Amino acid sequence: MRKMSLIAAAIACAVIFVFGFSGFKSEAAMQGQSLGGWSLVDNNSPSMMKDEDSARIKTVLQDQGYNFNVLDLVATQVVSGANYMYLVYGTTADSTVPGYYFVTVYENTQGVDSIVGVSPIDVTSIQTGAPLGFGATGAWVVRGTGKAGMLPDQNAQASFDAINNGDVMYNPVALLATQVVSGTNYKALCRGNDKNLYVVTWYKNLQGNSSLTSSECVNIGAYSGL
């Protein structure tokens, strides 16, 4: 069976990271929601982000009835106040099936927070575009922390390390999904050393050899709810 690949859309990627690394439990998890044969990975623990960031998003999400684990502060945008985009995992009031979401929170100039967007991440149709390299576009800016990323289990990590050797180096944020074919397909959200957010897909065959399928820049603006 042939391995799957993503279809890239020509949309500019507009991000500057304020990343705290996403932590994971040690066991691999492949029992999540199935989307076109992809299974969402659902064993996550909260990331090591700043306490004030975690408190901000948890409070505003609980007030709205969401049951989310906060994994990462993805990006910020200076407006009249500030917008904060987070990667979260969990369920909404409308769905008991857990999944990944981008949540955008607006903090006004008086420090009052409100949710302006909750966007699910469909692993079969992630909004992507061409990376623009360093710098800001769309007023979203990135600041990487430099903390090392790790995937949920040693096999996934070893397979990822084998393909992480190109011009852009990737630091994993979350293992979004796995797909069992003749071998295994993996899909992970990663930040690149060019200060873009990527969805990286790779394949490990039955002999244990790994190859990169695609790496596509995530279009943050498509998930902001703005």
C-alpha atoms as a PDB file:
ATOM      1  CA  MET A   1       0.000   0.000   0.000  1.00  0.00           C
ATOM      2  CA  ARG A   2       1.368   3.399  -0.897  1.00  0.00           C
ATOM      3  CA  LYS A   3       2.012   6.029   1.723  1.00  0.00           C
ATOM      4  CA  MET A   4      -0.219   9.119   1.790  1.00  0.00           C
ATOM      5  CA  SER A   5       0.922  12.658   1.082  1.00  0.00           C
ATOM      6  CA  LEU A   6      -0.575  16.101   1.808  1.00  0.00           C
ATOM      7  CA  ILE A   7      -1.729  18.640  -0.804  1.00  0.00           C
ATOM      8  CA  ALA A   8      -0.214  22.095  -0.203  1.00  0.00           C
ATOM      9  CA  ALA A   9      -2.283  25.289  -0.605  1.00  0.00           C
ATOM     10  CA  ALA A  10      -0.561  28.497  -1.705  1.00  0.00           C
ATOM     11  CA  ILE A  11      -1.292  30.630   1.358  1.00  0.00           C
ATOM     12  CA  ALA A  12       1.357  32.668   3.227  1.00  0.00           C
ATOM     13  CA  CYS A  13       2.373  31.422   6.654  1.00  0.00           C
ATOM     14  CA  ALA A  14       2.158  34.180   9.253  1.00  0.00           C
ATOM     15  CA  VAL A  15       3.613  33.214  12.575  1.00  0.00           C
ATOM     16  CA  ILE A  16       6.076  34.242  15.273  1.00  0.00           C
ATOM     17  CA  PHE A  17       6.289  31.688  18.021  1.00  0.00           C
ATOM     18  CA  VAL A  18       6.197  32.151  21.754  1.00  0.00           C
ATOM     19  CA  PHE A  19       6.636  28.422  22.294  1.00  0.00           C
ATOM     20  CA  GLY A  20       6.812  26.422  25.481  1.00  0.00           C
ATOM     21  CA  PHE A  21       7.438  22.790  24.603  1.00  0.00           C
ATOM     22  CA  SER A  22       4.553  20.282  24.640  1.00  0.00           C
ATOM     23  CA  GLY A  23       5.162  17.339  26.982  1.00  0.00           C
ATOM     24  CA  PHE A  24       3.820  13.827  26.472  1.00  0.00           C
ATOM     25  CA  LYS A  25       3.307  10.637  28.475  1.00  0.00           C
ATOM     26  CA  SER A  26       5.794   7.940  27.577  1.00  0.00           C
ATOM     27  CA  GLU A  27       3.430   5.434  25.960  1.00  0.00           C
ATOM     28  CA  ALA A  28       2.390   5.667  22.307  1.00  0.00           C
ATOM     29  CA  ALA A  29      -1.306   6.347  21.768  1.00  0.00           C
ATOM     30  CA  MET A  30      -3.235   5.548  18.604  1.00  0.00           C
ATOM     31  CA  GLN A  31      -6.796   5.259  19.928  1.00  0.00           C
ATOM     32  CA  GLY A  32      -8.097   8.726  19.099  1.00  0.00           C
ATOM     33  CA  GLN A  33     -10.601   9.943  16.539  1.00  0.00           C
ATOM     34  CA  SER A  34     -10.110   8.357  13.101  1.00  0.00           C
ATOM     35  CA  LEU A  35     -10.087  10.774  10.145  1.00  0.00           C
ATOM     36  CA  GLY A  36      -9.616   9.157   6.753  1.00  0.00           C
ATOM     37  CA  GLY A  37      -7.563   6.376   8.318  1.00  0.00           C
ATOM     38  CA  TRP A  38      -5.538   8.757  10.496  1.00  0.00           C
ATOM     39  CA  SER A  39      -5.865   8.255  14.248  1.00  0.00           C
ATOM     40  CA  LEU A  40      -5.402  11.270  16.497  1.00  0.00           C
ATOM     41  CA  VAL A  41      -2.873  10.780  19.260  1.00  0.00           C
ATOM     42  CA  ASP A  42      -4.585  11.412  22.572  1.00  0.00           C
ATOM     43  CA  ASN A  43      -2.150  10.815  25.456  1.00  0.00           C
ATOM     44  CA  ASN A  44      -0.832  14.280  26.195  1.00  0.00           C
ATOM     45  CA  SER A  45       0.213  16.143  29.310  1.00  0.00           C
ATOM     46  CA  PRO A  46       0.261  19.945  29.691  1.00  0.00           C
ATOM     47  CA  SER A  47       3.243  21.759  28.217  1.00  0.00           C
ATOM     48  CA  MET A  48       5.878  23.577  30.210  1.00  0.00           C
ATOM     49  CA  MET A  49       4.654  27.068  29.369  1.00  0.00           C
ATOM     50  CA  LYS A  50       4.736  30.079  31.634  1.00  0.00           C
ATOM     51  CA  ASP A  51       2.300  29.912  34.545  1.00  0.00           C
ATOM     52  CA  GLU A  52       0.616  33.166  33.576  1.00  0.00           C
ATOM     53  CA  ASP A  53       0.009  31.892  30.031  1.00  0.00           C
ATOM     54  CA  SER A  54      -1.463  28.634  31.263  1.00  0.00           C
ATOM     55  CA  ALA A  55      -3.652  30.390  33.829  1.00  0.00           C
ATOM     56  CA  ARG A  56      -4.956  32.837  31.211  1.00  0.00           C
ATOM     57  CA  ILE A  57      -6.158  30.250  28.737  1.00  0.00           C
ATOM     58  CA  LYS A  58      -7.431  27.745  31.315  1.00  0.00           C
ATOM     59  CA  THR A  59      -9.574  30.350  33.055  1.00  0.00           C
ATOM     60  CA  VAL A  60     -11.190  31.675  29.899  1.00  0.00           C
ATOM     61  CA  LEU A  61     -11.785  28.160  28.503  1.00  0.00           C
ATOM     62  CA  GLN A  62     -13.350  26.890  31.730  1.00  0.00           C
ATOM     63  CA  ASP A  63     -15.654  29.889  31.791  1.00  0.00           C
ATOM     64  CA  GLN A  64     -16.912  28.856  28.336  1.00  0.00           C
ATOM     65  CA  GLY A  65     -17.376  25.182  29.248  1.00  0.00           C
ATOM     66  CA  TYR A  66     -14.497  23.702  27.210  1.00  0.00           C
ATOM     67  CA  ASN A  67     -12.614  20.631  28.448  1.00  0.00           C
ATOM     68  CA  PHE A  68      -9.159  21.236  26.959  1.00  0.00           C
ATOM     69  CA  ASN A  69      -5.577  20.420  27.906  1.00  0.00           C
ATOM     70  CA  VAL A  70      -3.408  23.425  27.026  1.00  0.00           C
ATOM     71  CA  LEU A  71      -0.349  22.154  25.125  1.00  0.00           C
ATOM     72  CA  ASP A  72       1.409  25.187  23.685  1.00  0.00           C
ATOM     73  CA  LEU A  73       1.334  28.940  23.206  1.00  0.00           C
ATOM     74  CA  VAL A  74       1.707  29.045  19.426  1.00  0.00           C
ATOM     75  CA  ALA A  75       1.707  32.710  18.417  1.00  0.00           C
ATOM     76  CA  THR A  76       0.907  36.264  19.453  1.00  0.00           C
ATOM     77  CA  GLN A  77      -0.503  39.240  17.573  1.00  0.00           C
ATOM     78  CA  VAL A  78      -0.351  42.847  18.750  1.00  0.00           C
ATOM     79  CA  VAL A  79      -3.631  44.669  18.151  1.00  0.00           C
ATOM     80  CA  SER A  80      -5.383  47.105  20.493  1.00  0.00           C
ATOM     81  CA  GLY A  81      -4.361  44.740  23.248  1.00  0.00           C
ATOM     82  CA  ALA A  82      -3.059  41.315  22.139  1.00  0.00           C
ATOM     83  CA  ASN A  83      -4.237  38.053  20.588  1.00  0.00           C
ATOM     84  CA  TYR A  84      -2.811  34.752  21.859  1.00  0.00           C
ATOM     85  CA  MET A  85      -3.106  31.504  19.905  1.00  0.00           C
ATOM     86  CA  TYR A  86      -2.834  28.182  21.761  1.00  0.00           C
ATOM     87  CA  LEU A  87      -2.659  24.550  20.722  1.00  0.00           C
ATOM     88  CA  VAL A  88      -5.067  22.549  22.900  1.00  0.00           C
ATOM     89  CA  TYR A  89      -6.398  18.988  23.059  1.00  0.00           C
ATOM     90  CA  GLY A  90      -9.752  17.807  24.372  1.00  0.00           C
ATOM     91  CA  THR A  91     -13.495  18.078  23.805  1.00  0.00           C
ATOM     92  CA  THR A  92     -16.024  20.820  23.206  1.00  0.00           C
ATOM     93  CA  ALA A  93     -19.612  21.121  24.416  1.00  0.00           C
ATOM     94  CA  ASP A  94     -20.741  19.891  20.980  1.00  0.00           C
ATOM     95  CA  SER A  95     -18.461  16.853  20.719  1.00  0.00           C
ATOM     96  CA  THR A  96     -17.305  14.171  23.147  1.00  0.00           C
ATOM     97  CA  VAL A  97     -14.640  12.962  20.692  1.00  0.00           C
ATOM     98  CA  PRO A  98     -11.265  14.475  21.673  1.00  0.00           C
ATOM     99  CA  GLY A  99      -9.197  16.317  19.107  1.00  0.00           C
ATOM    100  CA  TYR A 100      -6.650  19.070  18.539  1.00  0.00           C
ATOM    101  CA  TYR A 101      -7.736  22.710  18.293  1.00  0.00           C
ATOM    102  CA  PHE A 102      -6.186  26.132  17.833  1.00  0.00           C
ATOM    103  CA  VAL A 103      -7.744  28.548  20.334  1.00  0.00           C
ATOM    104  CA  THR A 104      -7.322  32.311  19.945  1.00  0.00           C
ATOM    105  CA  VAL A 105      -7.777  34.483  23.049  1.00  0.00           C
ATOM    106  CA  TYR A 106      -7.988  38.273  22.923  1.00  0.00           C
ATOM    107  CA  GLU A 107      -6.681  40.287  25.883  1.00  0.00           C
ATOM    108  CA  ASN A 108      -7.830  43.912  25.815  1.00  0.00           C
ATOM    109  CA  THR A 109      -5.864  46.867  27.144  1.00  0.00           C
ATOM    110  CA  GLN A 110      -7.532  46.447  30.563  1.00  0.00           C
ATOM    111  CA  GLY A 111      -6.323  42.824  30.800  1.00  0.00           C
ATOM    112  CA  VAL A 112      -9.760  41.247  30.202  1.00  0.00           C
ATOM    113  CA  ASP A 113      -9.656  38.026  28.141  1.00  0.00           C
ATOM    114  CA  SER A 114     -12.194  36.606  25.697  1.00  0.00           C
ATOM    115  CA  ILE A 115     -12.215  33.727  23.201  1.00  0.00           C
ATOM    116  CA  VAL A 116     -12.324  34.898  19.596  1.00  0.00           C
ATOM    117  CA  GLY A 117     -11.749  31.574  17.844  1.00  0.00           C
ATOM    118  CA  VAL A 118     -11.825  27.808  18.467  1.00  0.00           C
ATOM    119  CA  SER A 119     -10.721  25.995  15.303  1.00  0.00           C
ATOM    120  CA  PRO A 120     -10.455  22.187  15.016  1.00  0.00           C
ATOM    121  CA  ILE A 121      -7.411  20.719  13.291  1.00  0.00           C
ATOM    122  CA  ASP A 122      -8.558  18.207  10.664  1.00  0.00           C
ATOM    123  CA  VAL A 123      -5.439  16.124  10.026  1.00  0.00           C
ATOM    124  CA  THR A 124      -6.697  15.237   6.532  1.00  0.00           C
ATOM    125  CA  SER A 125      -6.990  18.885   5.468  1.00  0.00           C
ATOM    126  CA  ILE A 126      -4.592  21.149   7.369  1.00  0.00           C
ATOM    127  CA  GLN A 127      -4.491  24.713   6.012  1.00  0.00           C
ATOM    128  CA  THR A 128      -0.977  25.201   4.696  1.00  0.00           C
ATOM    129  CA  GLY A 129       1.050  27.469   2.453  1.00  0.00           C
ATOM    130  CA  ALA A 130       4.547  28.510   1.438  1.00  0.00           C
ATOM    131  CA  PRO A 131       6.931  29.413   4.296  1.00  0.00           C
ATOM    132  CA  LEU A 132       8.226  32.964   4.243  1.00  0.00           C
ATOM    133  CA  GLY A 133      11.244  32.438   6.490  1.00  0.00           C
ATOM    134  CA  PHE A 134      12.194  34.781   9.312  1.00  0.00           C
ATOM    135  CA  GLY A 135      10.071  37.781  10.133  1.00  0.00           C
ATOM    136  CA  ALA A 136       6.462  38.757  10.684  1.00  0.00           C
ATOM    137  CA  THR A 137       3.528  38.577   8.313  1.00  0.00           C
ATOM    138  CA  GLY A 138      -0.085  39.353   9.059  1.00  0.00           C
ATOM    139  CA  ALA A 139       1.157  40.927  12.312  1.00  0.00           C
ATOM    140  CA  TRP A 140       1.664  37.482  13.884  1.00  0.00           C
ATOM    141  CA  VAL A 141       5.147  37.047  15.328  1.00  0.00           C
ATOM    142  CA  VAL A 142       7.184  33.997  16.454  1.00  0.00           C
ATOM    143  CA  ARG A 143       9.624  33.532  19.330  1.00  0.00           C
ATOM    144  CA  GLY A 144      11.067  30.047  19.794  1.00  0.00           C
ATOM    145  CA  THR A 145      12.201  28.988  23.252  1.00  0.00           C
ATOM    146  CA  GLY A 146      14.802  26.530  21.961  1.00  0.00           C
ATOM    147  CA  LYS A 147      13.555  23.749  24.233  1.00  0.00           C
ATOM    148  CA  ALA A 148      14.040  20.294  22.729  1.00  0.00           C
ATOM    149  CA  GLY A 149      10.915  18.496  21.502  1.00  0.00           C
ATOM    150  CA  MET A 150      10.178  14.801  21.919  1.00  0.00           C
ATOM    151  CA  LEU A 151       7.564  12.484  20.442  1.00  0.00           C
ATOM    152  CA  PRO A 152       5.476  10.065  22.561  1.00  0.00           C
ATOM    153  CA  ASP A 153       7.599   6.928  22.155  1.00  0.00           C
ATOM    154  CA  GLN A 154      11.106   5.889  21.165  1.00  0.00           C
ATOM    155  CA  ASN A 155      10.095   4.318  17.852  1.00  0.00           C
ATOM    156  CA  ALA A 156       8.314   7.475  16.675  1.00  0.00           C
ATOM    157  CA  GLN A 157      11.219   9.632  17.851  1.00  0.00           C
ATOM    158  CA  ALA A 158      13.860   7.476  16.151  1.00  0.00           C
ATOM    159  CA  SER A 159      11.861   7.495  12.923  1.00  0.00           C
ATOM    160  CA  PHE A 160      11.483  11.286  13.107  1.00  0.00           C
ATOM    161  CA  ASP A 161      15.195  11.798  13.802  1.00  0.00           C
ATOM    162  CA  ALA A 162      16.036   9.791  10.670  1.00  0.00           C
ATOM    163  CA  ILE A 163      14.186  12.238   8.406  1.00  0.00           C
ATOM    164  CA  ASN A 164      15.008  15.456  10.279  1.00  0.00           C
ATOM    165  CA  ASN A 165      18.124  16.315   8.309  1.00  0.00           C
ATOM    166  CA  GLY A 166      17.112  18.866   5.676  1.00  0.00           C
ATOM    167  CA  ASP A 167      17.795  22.557   5.175  1.00  0.00           C
ATOM    168  CA  VAL A 168      15.042  23.322   7.708  1.00  0.00           C
ATOM    169  CA  MET A 169      15.356  21.475  11.022  1.00  0.00           C
ATOM    170  CA  TYR A 170      12.140  20.652  12.882  1.00  0.00           C
ATOM    171  CA  ASN A 171      11.399  20.652  16.598  1.00  0.00           C
ATOM    172  CA  PRO A 172       8.243  18.571  17.334  1.00  0.00           C
ATOM    173  CA  VAL A 173       5.388  20.174  19.230  1.00  0.00           C
ATOM    174  CA  ALA A 174       2.720  17.459  18.992  1.00  0.00           C
ATOM    175  CA  LEU A 175       2.262  14.121  17.266  1.00  0.00           C
ATOM    176  CA  LEU A 176      -1.081  14.816  15.589  1.00  0.00           C
ATOM    177  CA  ALA A 177      -1.868  11.440  14.062  1.00  0.00           C
ATOM    178  CA  THR A 178      -0.643   8.022  12.943  1.00  0.00           C
ATOM    179  CA  GLN A 179      -1.794   5.814  10.087  1.00  0.00           C
ATOM    180  CA  VAL A 180      -1.109   2.085   9.745  1.00  0.00           C
ATOM    181  CA  VAL A 181      -0.460   1.141   6.115  1.00  0.00           C
ATOM    182  CA  SER A 182       2.245  -1.218   4.851  1.00  0.00           C
ATOM    183  CA  GLY A 183       4.352   0.308   7.586  1.00  0.00           C
ATOM    184  CA  THR A 184       3.298   3.497   9.392  1.00  0.00           C
ATOM    185  CA  ASN A 185       2.626   7.093   8.406  1.00  0.00           C
ATOM    186  CA  TYR A 186       3.211   9.804  11.029  1.00  0.00           C
ATOM    187  CA  LYS A 187       1.989  13.410  11.085  1.00  0.00           C
ATOM    188  CA  ALA A 188       3.439  15.916  13.580  1.00  0.00           C
ATOM    189  CA  LEU A 189       3.138  19.630  14.271  1.00  0.00           C
ATOM    190  CA  CYS A 190       6.643  21.094  14.418  1.00  0.00           C
ATOM    191  CA  ARG A 191       8.351  24.436  14.592  1.00  0.00           C
ATOM    192  CA  GLY A 192      11.179  25.007  12.150  1.00  0.00           C
ATOM    193  CA  ASN A 193      14.471  26.758  12.717  1.00  0.00           C
ATOM    194  CA  ASP A 194      13.265  29.248  10.070  1.00  0.00           C
ATOM    195  CA  LYS A 195      10.578  30.405  12.559  1.00  0.00           C
ATOM    196  CA  ASN A 196       7.602  28.843  10.795  1.00  0.00           C
ATOM    197  CA  LEU A 197       5.059  26.301  12.052  1.00  0.00           C
ATOM    198  CA  TYR A 198       4.997  23.093  10.001  1.00  0.00           C
ATOM    199  CA  VAL A 199       2.964  19.930   9.675  1.00  0.00           C
ATOM    200  CA  VAL A 200       5.524  17.218   8.898  1.00  0.00           C
ATOM    201  CA  THR A 201       4.455  13.851   7.463  1.00  0.00           C
ATOM    202  CA  TRP A 202       6.830  10.899   7.200  1.00  0.00           C
ATOM    203  CA  TYR A 203       6.695   7.165   6.511  1.00  0.00           C
ATOM    204  CA  LYS A 204       8.438   4.193   8.162  1.00  0.00           C
ATOM    205  CA  ASN A 205       8.355   0.965   6.180  1.00  0.00           C
ATOM    206  CA  LEU A 206       8.239  -2.581   7.539  1.00  0.00           C
ATOM    207  CA  GLN A 207      12.034  -2.775   7.398  1.00  0.00           C
ATOM    208  CA  GLY A 208      12.312   0.237   9.709  1.00  0.00           C
ATOM    209  CA  ASN A 209      13.510   2.680   7.033  1.00  0.00           C
ATOM    210  CA  SER A 210      12.042   6.197   7.262  1.00  0.00           C
ATOM    211  CA  SER A 211      11.437   8.813   4.571  1.00  0.00           C
ATOM    212  CA  LEU A 212       9.988  12.327   4.563  1.00  0.00           C
ATOM    213  CA  THR A 213       6.636  12.562   2.772  1.00  0.00           C
ATOM    214  CA  SER A 214       5.986  16.297   3.099  1.00  0.00           C
ATOM    215  CA  SER A 215       6.639  19.329   5.283  1.00  0.00           C
ATOM    216  CA  GLU A 216       4.177  22.167   4.868  1.00  0.00           C
ATOM    217  CA  CYS A 217       3.897  25.495   6.592  1.00  0.00           C
ATOM    218  CA  VAL A 218       0.705  25.919   8.634  1.00  0.00           C
ATOM    219  CA  ASN A 219      -1.366  28.982   7.784  1.00  0.00           C
ATOM    220  CA  ILE A 220      -2.025  30.332  11.277  1.00  0.00           C
ATOM    221  CA  GLY A 221      -4.403  32.998   9.989  1.00  0.00           C
ATOM    222  CA  ALA A 222      -6.812  30.328   8.745  1.00  0.00           C
ATOM    223  CA  TYR A 223      -7.232  29.081  12.324  1.00  0.00           C
ATOM    224  CA  SER A 224      -7.344  32.364  14.223  1.00  0.00           C
ATOM    225  CA  GLY A 225     -11.111  32.924  14.072  1.00  0.00           C
ATOM    226  CA  LEU A 226     -10.432  36.563  13.148  1.00  0.00           C
END
